[in-house]
Amino acid sequence: MAECYLDGDVGDRAGDYRPVVKDSEAGGRLGAGRPHRWWRILRVFAGFLLLLLGFIGLFLPVLQGILLILAGLGVLGRDLPWARAVTDRLASFVRRRAAKNPGRPPADAE
């Protein structure tokens, strides 16, 4: 029988619960209870790499720094609570700004 556990300390959102098979139920294979461990490590590494490239891109004209930073936060937000909190705060800021200026015409349209 599969158990449910909270994947990290990221809150009680429905998407955070994933079924896990115990090692004894999987025939005793080592690591069978955590099939997504290496994917998580790879995602965290890729997220920090995107963040690093984003910060470098803020100073180099070749790289799109802000886009890479947002992509890095999006990737890290799946596994790290602080990245999800930053992404949520940024999304609420954008929603507030959009609600404040609905349908604002372009500056040169008069």
PDB file of N, CA and C in Angstrom:
ATOM      1  N   MET A   1       0.845  -1.177   0.000  1.00  0.00           N
ATOM      2  CA  MET A   1       0.000   0.000   0.000  1.00  0.00           C
ATOM      3  C   MET A   1       0.891   1.241   0.000  1.00  0.00           C
ATOM      4  N   ALA A   2       0.574   2.202  -0.819  1.00  0.00           N
ATOM      5  CA  ALA A   2       1.373   3.423  -0.922  1.00  0.00           C
ATOM      6  C   ALA A   2       0.991   4.401   0.172  1.00  0.00           C
ATOM      7  N   GLU A   3       1.963   5.098   0.681  1.00  0.00           N
ATOM      8  CA  GLU A   3       1.731   6.145   1.664  1.00  0.00           C
ATOM      9  C   GLU A   3       1.814   7.496   0.978  1.00  0.00           C
ATOM     10  N   CYS A   4       1.265   8.499   1.620  1.00  0.00           N
ATOM     11  CA  CYS A   4       1.400   9.861   1.115  1.00  0.00           C
ATOM     12  C   CYS A   4       2.271  10.635   2.075  1.00  0.00           C
ATOM     13  N   TYR A   5       3.102  11.486   1.532  1.00  0.00           N
ATOM     14  CA  TYR A   5       3.955  12.303   2.380  1.00  0.00           C
ATOM     15  C   TYR A   5       4.025  13.694   1.787  1.00  0.00           C
ATOM     16  N   LEU A   6       4.471  14.614   2.601  1.00  0.00           N
ATOM     17  CA  LEU A   6       4.626  15.991   2.157  1.00  0.00           C
ATOM     18  C   LEU A   6       6.004  16.151   1.557  1.00  0.00           C
ATOM     19  N   ASP A   7       6.070  16.514   0.287  1.00  0.00           N
ATOM     20  CA  ASP A   7       7.337  16.640  -0.436  1.00  0.00           C
ATOM     21  C   ASP A   7       7.989  17.954  -0.051  1.00  0.00           C
ATOM     22  N   GLY A   8       8.886  17.938   0.909  1.00  0.00           N
ATOM     23  CA  GLY A   8       9.530  19.158   1.387  1.00  0.00           C
ATOM     24  C   GLY A   8       8.618  19.894   2.348  1.00  0.00           C
ATOM     25  N   ASP A   9       9.056  21.012   2.851  1.00  0.00           N
ATOM     26  CA  ASP A   9       8.259  21.840   3.752  1.00  0.00           C
ATOM     27  C   ASP A   9       7.728  23.038   2.977  1.00  0.00           C
ATOM     28  N   VAL A  10       6.886  22.803   2.009  1.00  0.00           N
ATOM     29  CA  VAL A  10       6.434  23.880   1.153  1.00  0.00           C
ATOM     30  C   VAL A  10       4.980  24.260   1.393  1.00  0.00           C
ATOM     31  N   GLY A  11       4.351  23.717   2.383  1.00  0.00           N
ATOM     32  CA  GLY A  11       2.980  24.090   2.651  1.00  0.00           C
ATOM     33  C   GLY A  11       2.063  22.893   2.489  1.00  0.00           C
ATOM     34  N   ASP A  12       0.769  23.153   2.569  1.00  0.00           N
ATOM     35  CA  ASP A  12      -0.182  22.049   2.492  1.00  0.00           C
ATOM     36  C   ASP A  12      -0.995  22.125   1.203  1.00  0.00           C
ATOM     37  N   ARG A  13      -0.364  22.416   0.105  1.00  0.00           N
ATOM     38  CA  ARG A  13      -1.047  22.455  -1.186  1.00  0.00           C
ATOM     39  C   ARG A  13      -1.272  21.029  -1.663  1.00  0.00           C
ATOM     40  N   ALA A  14      -2.344  20.837  -2.413  1.00  0.00           N
ATOM     41  CA  ALA A  14      -2.715  19.493  -2.851  1.00  0.00           C
ATOM     42  C   ALA A  14      -1.659  18.880  -3.761  1.00  0.00           C
ATOM     43  N   GLY A  15      -0.947  19.676  -4.535  1.00  0.00           N
ATOM     44  CA  GLY A  15       0.047  19.156  -5.457  1.00  0.00           C
ATOM     45  C   GLY A  15       1.320  18.679  -4.792  1.00  0.00           C
ATOM     46  N   ASP A  16       1.458  18.925  -3.486  1.00  0.00           N
ATOM     47  CA  ASP A  16       2.685  18.564  -2.793  1.00  0.00           C
ATOM     48  C   ASP A  16       2.673  17.126  -2.271  1.00  0.00           C
ATOM     49  N   TYR A  17       1.543  16.461  -2.323  1.00  0.00           N
ATOM     50  CA  TYR A  17       1.445  15.114  -1.802  1.00  0.00           C
ATOM     51  C   TYR A  17       1.652  14.127  -2.937  1.00  0.00           C
ATOM     52  N   ARG A  18       2.597  13.217  -2.764  1.00  0.00           N
ATOM     53  CA  ARG A  18       2.890  12.228  -3.792  1.00  0.00           C
ATOM     54  C   ARG A  18       2.941  10.850  -3.149  1.00  0.00           C
ATOM     55  N   PRO A  19       2.441   9.848  -3.844  1.00  0.00           N
ATOM     56  CA  PRO A  19       2.509   8.501  -3.275  1.00  0.00           C
ATOM     57  C   PRO A  19       3.945   7.990  -3.263  1.00  0.00           C
ATOM     58  N   VAL A  20       4.280   7.261  -2.214  1.00  0.00           N
ATOM     59  CA  VAL A  20       5.629   6.703  -2.068  1.00  0.00           C
ATOM     60  C   VAL A  20       5.489   5.234  -1.725  1.00  0.00           C
ATOM     61  N   VAL A  21       6.305   4.422  -2.351  1.00  0.00           N
ATOM     62  CA  VAL A  21       6.323   2.994  -2.057  1.00  0.00           C
ATOM     63  C   VAL A  21       7.500   2.733  -1.138  1.00  0.00           C
ATOM     64  N   LYS A  22       7.255   2.045  -0.050  1.00  0.00           N
ATOM     65  CA  LYS A  22       8.330   1.720   0.878  1.00  0.00           C
ATOM     66  C   LYS A  22       9.302   0.744   0.226  1.00  0.00           C
ATOM     67  N   ASP A  23      10.554   0.742   0.709  1.00  0.00           N
ATOM     68  CA  ASP A  23      11.569  -0.171   0.184  1.00  0.00           C
ATOM     69  C   ASP A  23      11.136  -1.628   0.328  1.00  0.00           C
ATOM     70  N   SER A  24      10.499  -1.964   1.456  1.00  0.00           N
ATOM     71  CA  SER A  24      10.099  -3.348   1.668  1.00  0.00           C
ATOM     72  C   SER A  24       9.004  -3.764   0.696  1.00  0.00           C
ATOM     73  N   GLU A  25       8.132  -2.833   0.277  1.00  0.00           N
ATOM     74  CA  GLU A  25       7.068  -3.141  -0.669  1.00  0.00           C
ATOM     75  C   GLU A  25       7.598  -3.230  -2.093  1.00  0.00           C
ATOM     76  N   ALA A  26       8.732  -2.638  -2.376  1.00  0.00           N
ATOM     77  CA  ALA A  26       9.297  -2.640  -3.723  1.00  0.00           C
ATOM     78  C   ALA A  26      10.315  -3.754  -3.897  1.00  0.00           C
ATOM     79  N   GLY A  27      10.271  -4.750  -3.059  1.00  0.00           N
ATOM     80  CA  GLY A  27      11.193  -5.869  -3.196  1.00  0.00           C
ATOM     81  C   GLY A  27      12.544  -5.600  -2.556  1.00  0.00           C
ATOM     82  N   GLY A  28      12.649  -4.586  -1.690  1.00  0.00           N
ATOM     83  CA  GLY A  28      13.882  -4.301  -0.996  1.00  0.00           C
ATOM     84  C   GLY A  28      14.935  -3.592  -1.822  1.00  0.00           C
ATOM     85  N   ARG A  29      14.597  -3.098  -3.000  1.00  0.00           N
ATOM     86  CA  ARG A  29      15.580  -2.383  -3.814  1.00  0.00           C
ATOM     87  C   ARG A  29      15.974  -1.075  -3.137  1.00  0.00           C
ATOM     88  N   LEU A  30      17.242  -0.794  -3.150  1.00  0.00           N
ATOM     89  CA  LEU A  30      17.756   0.414  -2.523  1.00  0.00           C
ATOM     90  C   LEU A  30      17.279   1.642  -3.285  1.00  0.00           C
ATOM     91  N   GLY A  31      16.685   2.605  -2.600  1.00  0.00           N
ATOM     92  CA  GLY A  31      16.247   3.845  -3.228  1.00  0.00           C
ATOM     93  C   GLY A  31      14.917   3.756  -3.940  1.00  0.00           C
ATOM     94  N   ALA A  32      14.215   2.646  -3.815  1.00  0.00           N
ATOM     95  CA  ALA A  32      12.943   2.496  -4.513  1.00  0.00           C
ATOM     96  C   ALA A  32      11.874   3.403  -3.927  1.00  0.00           C
ATOM     97  N   GLY A  33      12.037   3.847  -2.702  1.00  0.00           N
ATOM     98  CA  GLY A  33      11.050   4.732  -2.087  1.00  0.00           C
ATOM     99  C   GLY A  33      11.172   6.167  -2.544  1.00  0.00           C
ATOM    100  N   ARG A  34      12.254   6.520  -3.240  1.00  0.00           N
ATOM    101  CA  ARG A  34      12.459   7.897  -3.698  1.00  0.00           C
ATOM    102  C   ARG A  34      12.850   7.905  -5.185  1.00  0.00           C
ATOM    103  N   PRO A  35      11.903   7.649  -6.051  1.00  0.00           N
ATOM    104  CA  PRO A  35      12.261   7.589  -7.462  1.00  0.00           C
ATOM    105  C   PRO A  35      12.586   8.942  -8.064  1.00  0.00           C
ATOM    106  N   HIS A  36      12.132  10.003  -7.443  1.00  0.00           N
ATOM    107  CA  HIS A  36      12.318  11.325  -8.015  1.00  0.00           C
ATOM    108  C   HIS A  36      13.478  12.103  -7.385  1.00  0.00           C
ATOM    109  N   ARG A  37      14.303  11.435  -6.611  1.00  0.00           N
ATOM    110  CA  ARG A  37      15.388  12.115  -5.905  1.00  0.00           C
ATOM    111  C   ARG A  37      16.383  12.752  -6.873  1.00  0.00           C
ATOM    112  N   TRP A  38      16.793  12.001  -7.891  1.00  0.00           N
ATOM    113  CA  TRP A  38      17.786  12.524  -8.833  1.00  0.00           C
ATOM    114  C   TRP A  38      17.195  13.618  -9.702  1.00  0.00           C
ATOM    115  N   TRP A  39      15.906  13.523 -10.031  1.00  0.00           N
ATOM    116  CA  TRP A  39      15.274  14.589 -10.806  1.00  0.00           C
ATOM    117  C   TRP A  39      15.211  15.870  -9.987  1.00  0.00           C
ATOM    118  N   ARG A  40      14.963  15.721  -8.694  1.00  0.00           N
ATOM    119  CA  ARG A  40      14.912  16.909  -7.835  1.00  0.00           C
ATOM    120  C   ARG A  40      16.288  17.574  -7.754  1.00  0.00           C
ATOM    121  N   ILE A  41      17.334  16.758  -7.597  1.00  0.00           N
ATOM    122  CA  ILE A  41      18.693  17.306  -7.556  1.00  0.00           C
ATOM    123  C   ILE A  41      19.011  18.014  -8.865  1.00  0.00           C
ATOM    124  N   LEU A  42      18.638  17.407  -9.979  1.00  0.00           N
ATOM    125  CA  LEU A  42      18.876  18.008 -11.287  1.00  0.00           C
ATOM    126  C   LEU A  42      18.097  19.315 -11.452  1.00  0.00           C
ATOM    127  N   ARG A  43      16.831  19.338 -10.992  1.00  0.00           N
ATOM    128  CA  ARG A  43      16.024  20.568 -11.083  1.00  0.00           C
ATOM    129  C   ARG A  43      16.621  21.688 -10.242  1.00  0.00           C
ATOM    130  N   VAL A  44      17.070  21.373  -9.035  1.00  0.00           N
ATOM    131  CA  VAL A  44      17.650  22.397  -8.166  1.00  0.00           C
ATOM    132  C   VAL A  44      18.947  22.923  -8.779  1.00  0.00           C
ATOM    133  N   PHE A  45      19.772  22.026  -9.309  1.00  0.00           N
ATOM    134  CA  PHE A  45      21.009  22.452  -9.967  1.00  0.00           C
ATOM    135  C   PHE A  45      20.695  23.350 -11.166  1.00  0.00           C
ATOM    136  N   ALA A  46      19.736  22.938 -11.997  1.00  0.00           N
ATOM    137  CA  ALA A  46      19.370  23.735 -13.172  1.00  0.00           C
ATOM    138  C   ALA A  46      18.791  25.088 -12.762  1.00  0.00           C
ATOM    139  N   GLY A  47      18.006  25.112 -11.691  1.00  0.00           N
ATOM    140  CA  GLY A  47      17.441  26.367 -11.222  1.00  0.00           C
ATOM    141  C   GLY A  47      18.504  27.350 -10.756  1.00  0.00           C
ATOM    142  N   PHE A  48      19.474  26.844  -9.979  1.00  0.00           N
ATOM    143  CA  PHE A  48      20.551  27.732  -9.532  1.00  0.00           C
ATOM    144  C   PHE A  48      21.439  28.162 -10.697  1.00  0.00           C
ATOM    145  N   LEU A  49      21.624  27.284 -11.678  1.00  0.00           N
ATOM    146  CA  LEU A  49      22.393  27.661 -12.858  1.00  0.00           C
ATOM    147  C   LEU A  49      21.679  28.772 -13.629  1.00  0.00           C
ATOM    148  N   LEU A  50      20.354  28.666 -13.771  1.00  0.00           N
ATOM    149  CA  LEU A  50      19.594  29.727 -14.436  1.00  0.00           C
ATOM    150  C   LEU A  50      19.666  31.041 -13.657  1.00  0.00           C
ATOM    151  N   LEU A  51      19.589  30.943 -12.321  1.00  0.00           N
ATOM    152  CA  LEU A  51      19.724  32.161 -11.508  1.00  0.00           C
ATOM    153  C   LEU A  51      21.097  32.799 -11.698  1.00  0.00           C
ATOM    154  N   LEU A  52      22.136  32.002 -11.683  1.00  0.00           N
ATOM    155  CA  LEU A  52      23.484  32.528 -11.871  1.00  0.00           C
ATOM    156  C   LEU A  52      23.634  33.181 -13.237  1.00  0.00           C
ATOM    157  N   LEU A  53      23.173  32.507 -14.276  1.00  0.00           N
ATOM    158  CA  LEU A  53      23.228  33.096 -15.612  1.00  0.00           C
ATOM    159  C   LEU A  53      22.385  34.363 -15.703  1.00  0.00           C
ATOM    160  N   GLY A  54      21.278  34.380 -14.981  1.00  0.00           N
ATOM    161  CA  GLY A  54      20.433  35.576 -14.962  1.00  0.00           C
ATOM    162  C   GLY A  54      21.131  36.764 -14.331  1.00  0.00           C
ATOM    163  N   PHE A  55      21.804  36.534 -13.220  1.00  0.00           N
ATOM    164  CA  PHE A  55      22.523  37.636 -12.571  1.00  0.00           C
ATOM    165  C   PHE A  55      23.702  38.097 -13.422  1.00  0.00           C
ATOM    166  N   ILE A  56      24.363  37.167 -14.093  1.00  0.00           N
ATOM    167  CA  ILE A  56      25.420  37.568 -15.027  1.00  0.00           C
ATOM    168  C   ILE A  56      24.819  38.338 -16.199  1.00  0.00           C
ATOM    169  N   GLY A  57      23.654  37.880 -16.648  1.00  0.00           N
ATOM    170  CA  GLY A  57      22.978  38.528 -17.764  1.00  0.00           C
ATOM    171  C   GLY A  57      22.508  39.939 -17.474  1.00  0.00           C
ATOM    172  N   LEU A  58      22.386  40.299 -16.207  1.00  0.00           N
ATOM    173  CA  LEU A  58      22.023  41.680 -15.880  1.00  0.00           C
ATOM    174  C   LEU A  58      23.117  42.665 -16.293  1.00  0.00           C
ATOM    175  N   PHE A  59      24.345  42.177 -16.374  1.00  0.00           N
ATOM    176  CA  PHE A  59      25.471  43.042 -16.698  1.00  0.00           C
ATOM    177  C   PHE A  59      26.008  42.840 -18.111  1.00  0.00           C
ATOM    178  N   LEU A  60      25.631  41.738 -18.757  1.00  0.00           N
ATOM    179  CA  LEU A  60      26.081  41.469 -20.119  1.00  0.00           C
ATOM    180  C   LEU A  60      24.931  41.718 -21.095  1.00  0.00           C
ATOM    181  N   PRO A  61      25.201  42.366 -22.216  1.00  0.00           N
ATOM    182  CA  PRO A  61      24.116  42.648 -23.156  1.00  0.00           C
ATOM    183  C   PRO A  61      23.661  41.420 -23.946  1.00  0.00           C
ATOM    184  N   VAL A  62      24.401  40.331 -23.903  1.00  0.00           N
ATOM    185  CA  VAL A  62      24.069  39.154 -24.705  1.00  0.00           C
ATOM    186  C   VAL A  62      22.949  38.334 -24.062  1.00  0.00           C
ATOM    187  N   LEU A  63      22.959  38.187 -22.740  1.00  0.00           N
ATOM    188  CA  LEU A  63      21.994  37.361 -22.024  1.00  0.00           C
ATOM    189  C   LEU A  63      20.800  38.183 -21.558  1.00  0.00           C
ATOM    190  N   GLN A  64      19.632  37.585 -21.551  1.00  0.00           N
ATOM    191  CA  GLN A  64      18.430  38.214 -21.024  1.00  0.00           C
ATOM    192  C   GLN A  64      18.343  37.897 -19.530  1.00  0.00           C
ATOM    193  N   GLY A  65      18.887  38.785 -18.702  1.00  0.00           N
ATOM    194  CA  GLY A  65      19.025  38.516 -17.276  1.00  0.00           C
ATOM    195  C   GLY A  65      17.718  38.306 -16.550  1.00  0.00           C
ATOM    196  N   ILE A  66      16.749  39.183 -16.767  1.00  0.00           N
ATOM    197  CA  ILE A  66      15.492  39.090 -16.021  1.00  0.00           C
ATOM    198  C   ILE A  66      14.737  37.818 -16.394  1.00  0.00           C
ATOM    199  N   LEU A  67      14.724  37.469 -17.674  1.00  0.00           N
ATOM    200  CA  LEU A  67      14.040  36.241 -18.083  1.00  0.00           C
ATOM    201  C   LEU A  67      14.692  34.998 -17.472  1.00  0.00           C
ATOM    202  N   LEU A  68      16.009  34.981 -17.423  1.00  0.00           N
ATOM    203  CA  LEU A  68      16.695  33.829 -16.835  1.00  0.00           C
ATOM    204  C   LEU A  68      16.467  33.748 -15.325  1.00  0.00           C
ATOM    205  N   ILE A  69      16.406  34.888 -14.664  1.00  0.00           N
ATOM    206  CA  ILE A  69      16.118  34.895 -13.224  1.00  0.00           C
ATOM    207  C   ILE A  69      14.708  34.378 -12.963  1.00  0.00           C
ATOM    208  N   LEU A  70      13.741  34.840 -13.760  1.00  0.00           N
ATOM    209  CA  LEU A  70      12.363  34.356 -13.585  1.00  0.00           C
ATOM    210  C   LEU A  70      12.260  32.862 -13.884  1.00  0.00           C
ATOM    211  N   ALA A  71      12.967  32.402 -14.910  1.00  0.00           N
ATOM    212  CA  ALA A  71      12.959  30.969 -15.220  1.00  0.00           C
ATOM    213  C   ALA A  71      13.593  30.176 -14.074  1.00  0.00           C
ATOM    214  N   GLY A  72      14.684  30.665 -13.520  1.00  0.00           N
ATOM    215  CA  GLY A  72      15.338  29.987 -12.406  1.00  0.00           C
ATOM    216  C   GLY A  72      14.444  29.912 -11.180  1.00  0.00           C
ATOM    217  N   LEU A  73      13.742  31.009 -10.884  1.00  0.00           N
ATOM    218  CA  LEU A  73      12.810  30.990  -9.751  1.00  0.00           C
ATOM    219  C   LEU A  73      11.653  30.037 -10.004  1.00  0.00           C
ATOM    220  N   GLY A  74      11.206  29.967 -11.244  1.00  0.00           N
ATOM    221  CA  GLY A  74      10.132  29.040 -11.573  1.00  0.00           C
ATOM    222  C   GLY A  74      10.543  27.593 -11.402  1.00  0.00           C
ATOM    223  N   VAL A  75      11.750  27.266 -11.808  1.00  0.00           N
ATOM    224  CA  VAL A  75      12.253  25.900 -11.659  1.00  0.00           C
ATOM    225  C   VAL A  75      12.490  25.578 -10.185  1.00  0.00           C
ATOM    226  N   LEU A  76      13.094  26.512  -9.458  1.00  0.00           N
ATOM    227  CA  LEU A  76      13.379  26.278  -8.038  1.00  0.00           C
ATOM    228  C   LEU A  76      12.106  26.275  -7.194  1.00  0.00           C
ATOM    229  N   GLY A  77      11.080  26.991  -7.639  1.00  0.00           N
ATOM    230  CA  GLY A  77       9.841  27.081  -6.877  1.00  0.00           C
ATOM    231  C   GLY A  77       9.143  25.752  -6.685  1.00  0.00           C
ATOM    232  N   ARG A  78       9.454  24.794  -7.516  1.00  0.00           N
ATOM    233  CA  ARG A  78       8.838  23.481  -7.365  1.00  0.00           C
ATOM    234  C   ARG A  78       9.410  22.721  -6.177  1.00  0.00           C
ATOM    235  N   ASP A  79      10.664  23.000  -5.815  1.00  0.00           N
ATOM    236  CA  ASP A  79      11.323  22.224  -4.764  1.00  0.00           C
ATOM    237  C   ASP A  79      11.707  23.018  -3.530  1.00  0.00           C
ATOM    238  N   LEU A  80      11.863  24.325  -3.642  1.00  0.00           N
ATOM    239  CA  LEU A  80      12.343  25.114  -2.510  1.00  0.00           C
ATOM    240  C   LEU A  80      11.290  26.137  -2.084  1.00  0.00           C
ATOM    241  N   PRO A  81      10.931  26.138  -0.811  1.00  0.00           N
ATOM    242  CA  PRO A  81       9.862  27.016  -0.332  1.00  0.00           C
ATOM    243  C   PRO A  81      10.170  28.504  -0.516  1.00  0.00           C
ATOM    244  N   TRP A  82      11.422  28.930  -0.335  1.00  0.00           N
ATOM    245  CA  TRP A  82      11.726  30.347  -0.448  1.00  0.00           C
ATOM    246  C   TRP A  82      11.573  30.822  -1.890  1.00  0.00           C
ATOM    247  N   ALA A  83      11.888  29.977  -2.855  1.00  0.00           N
ATOM    248  CA  ALA A  83      11.727  30.368  -4.254  1.00  0.00           C
ATOM    249  C   ALA A  83      10.250  30.459  -4.607  1.00  0.00           C
ATOM    250  N   ARG A  84       9.439  29.554  -4.069  1.00  0.00           N
ATOM    251  CA  ARG A  84       8.000  29.623  -4.309  1.00  0.00           C
ATOM    252  C   ARG A  84       7.415  30.876  -3.670  1.00  0.00           C
ATOM    253  N   ALA A  85       7.907  31.243  -2.488  1.00  0.00           N
ATOM    254  CA  ALA A  85       7.416  32.459  -1.832  1.00  0.00           C
ATOM    255  C   ALA A  85       7.775  33.701  -2.643  1.00  0.00           C
ATOM    256  N   VAL A  86       8.995  33.755  -3.176  1.00  0.00           N
ATOM    257  CA  VAL A  86       9.402  34.895  -4.009  1.00  0.00           C
ATOM    258  C   VAL A  86       8.538  34.964  -5.256  1.00  0.00           C
ATOM    259  N   THR A  87       8.294  33.822  -5.894  1.00  0.00           N
ATOM    260  CA  THR A  87       7.476  33.783  -7.094  1.00  0.00           C
ATOM    261  C   THR A  87       6.040  34.199  -6.793  1.00  0.00           C
ATOM    262  N   ASP A  88       5.488  33.739  -5.668  1.00  0.00           N
ATOM    263  CA  ASP A  88       4.128  34.124  -5.287  1.00  0.00           C
ATOM    264  C   ASP A  88       4.022  35.617  -5.005  1.00  0.00           C
ATOM    265  N   ARG A  89       5.020  36.172  -4.310  1.00  0.00           N
ATOM    266  CA  ARG A  89       5.000  37.618  -4.039  1.00  0.00           C
ATOM    267  C   ARG A  89       5.116  38.429  -5.311  1.00  0.00           C
ATOM    268  N   LEU A  90       5.946  37.981  -6.233  1.00  0.00           N
ATOM    269  CA  LEU A  90       6.094  38.662  -7.509  1.00  0.00           C
ATOM    270  C   LEU A  90       4.798  38.600  -8.309  1.00  0.00           C
ATOM    271  N   ALA A  91       4.138  37.440  -8.317  1.00  0.00           N
ATOM    272  CA  ALA A  91       2.873  37.294  -9.038  1.00  0.00           C
ATOM    273  C   ALA A  91       1.789  38.183  -8.434  1.00  0.00           C
ATOM    274  N   SER A  92       1.720  38.276  -7.114  1.00  0.00           N
ATOM    275  CA  SER A  92       0.709  39.141  -6.494  1.00  0.00           C
ATOM    276  C   SER A  92       1.012  40.612  -6.765  1.00  0.00           C
ATOM    277  N   PHE A  93       2.289  40.982  -6.818  1.00  0.00           N
ATOM    278  CA  PHE A  93       2.661  42.359  -7.157  1.00  0.00           C
ATOM    279  C   PHE A  93       2.209  42.702  -8.576  1.00  0.00           C
ATOM    280  N   VAL A  94       2.451  41.780  -9.507  1.00  0.00           N
ATOM    281  CA  VAL A  94       2.047  42.028 -10.895  1.00  0.00           C
ATOM    282  C   VAL A  94       0.528  42.121 -11.002  1.00  0.00           C
ATOM    283  N   ARG A  95      -0.195  41.264 -10.291  1.00  0.00           N
ATOM    284  CA  ARG A  95      -1.668  41.330 -10.316  1.00  0.00           C
ATOM    285  C   ARG A  95      -2.179  42.649  -9.752  1.00  0.00           C
ATOM    286  N   ARG A  96      -1.575  43.119  -8.659  1.00  0.00           N
ATOM    287  CA  ARG A  96      -2.000  44.405  -8.080  1.00  0.00           C
ATOM    288  C   ARG A  96      -1.744  45.552  -9.045  1.00  0.00           C
ATOM    289  N   ARG A  97      -0.568  45.546  -9.687  1.00  0.00           N
ATOM    290  CA  ARG A  97      -0.246  46.605 -10.651  1.00  0.00           C
ATOM    291  C   ARG A  97      -1.176  46.566 -11.854  1.00  0.00           C
ATOM    292  N   ALA A  98      -1.525  45.369 -12.316  1.00  0.00           N
ATOM    293  CA  ALA A  98      -2.429  45.238 -13.459  1.00  0.00           C
ATOM    294  C   ALA A  98      -3.836  45.688 -13.093  1.00  0.00           C
ATOM    295  N   ALA A  99      -4.261  45.428 -11.860  1.00  0.00           N
ATOM    296  CA  ALA A  99      -5.595  45.854 -11.431  1.00  0.00           C
ATOM    297  C   ALA A  99      -5.656  47.370 -11.240  1.00  0.00           C
ATOM    298  N   LYS A 100      -4.525  47.953 -10.900  1.00  0.00           N
ATOM    299  CA  LYS A 100      -4.472  49.391 -10.676  1.00  0.00           C
ATOM    300  C   LYS A 100      -4.591  50.175 -11.988  1.00  0.00           C
ATOM    301  N   ASN A 101      -4.057  49.626 -13.094  1.00  0.00           N
ATOM    302  CA  ASN A 101      -4.066  50.287 -14.393  1.00  0.00           C
ATOM    303  C   ASN A 101      -4.716  49.404 -15.454  1.00  0.00           C
ATOM    304  N   PRO A 102      -6.042  49.151 -15.353  1.00  0.00           N
ATOM    305  CA  PRO A 102      -6.669  48.272 -16.351  1.00  0.00           C
ATOM    306  C   PRO A 102      -6.848  48.990 -17.689  1.00  0.00           C
ATOM    307  N   GLY A 103      -6.474  48.337 -18.752  1.00  0.00           N
ATOM    308  CA  GLY A 103      -6.697  48.877 -20.086  1.00  0.00           C
ATOM    309  C   GLY A 103      -6.015  50.194 -20.359  1.00  0.00           C
ATOM    310  N   ARG A 104      -4.891  50.407 -19.770  1.00  0.00           N
ATOM    311  CA  ARG A 104      -4.171  51.662 -19.961  1.00  0.00           C
ATOM    312  C   ARG A 104      -3.685  51.776 -21.408  1.00  0.00           C
ATOM    313  N   PRO A 105      -4.024  52.880 -22.093  1.00  0.00           N
ATOM    314  CA  PRO A 105      -3.615  53.015 -23.493  1.00  0.00           C
ATOM    315  C   PRO A 105      -2.110  53.290 -23.601  1.00  0.00           C
ATOM    316  N   PRO A 106      -1.519  52.991 -24.759  1.00  0.00           N
ATOM    317  CA  PRO A 106      -0.093  53.286 -24.944  1.00  0.00           C
ATOM    318  C   PRO A 106       0.189  54.774 -24.813  1.00  0.00           C
ATOM    319  N   ALA A 107       1.416  55.127 -24.492  1.00  0.00           N
ATOM    320  CA  ALA A 107       1.770  56.528 -24.235  1.00  0.00           C
ATOM    321  C   ALA A 107       1.630  57.389 -25.490  1.00  0.00           C
ATOM    322  N   ASP A 108       1.870  56.851 -26.692  1.00  0.00           N
ATOM    323  CA  ASP A 108       1.829  57.673 -27.902  1.00  0.00           C
ATOM    324  C   ASP A 108       0.444  57.714 -28.535  1.00  0.00           C
ATOM    325  N   ALA A 109      -0.564  57.037 -27.993  1.00  0.00           N
ATOM    326  CA  ALA A 109      -1.921  57.066 -28.562  1.00  0.00           C
ATOM    327  C   ALA A 109      -2.694  58.203 -27.930  1.00  0.00           C
ATOM    328  N   GLU A 110      -2.895  59.270 -28.678  1.00  0.00           N
ATOM    329  CA  GLU A 110      -3.650  60.421 -28.148  1.00  0.00           C
ATOM    330  C   GLU A 110      -4.733  60.831 -29.103  1.00  0.00           C
TER     331      GLU A 110
END
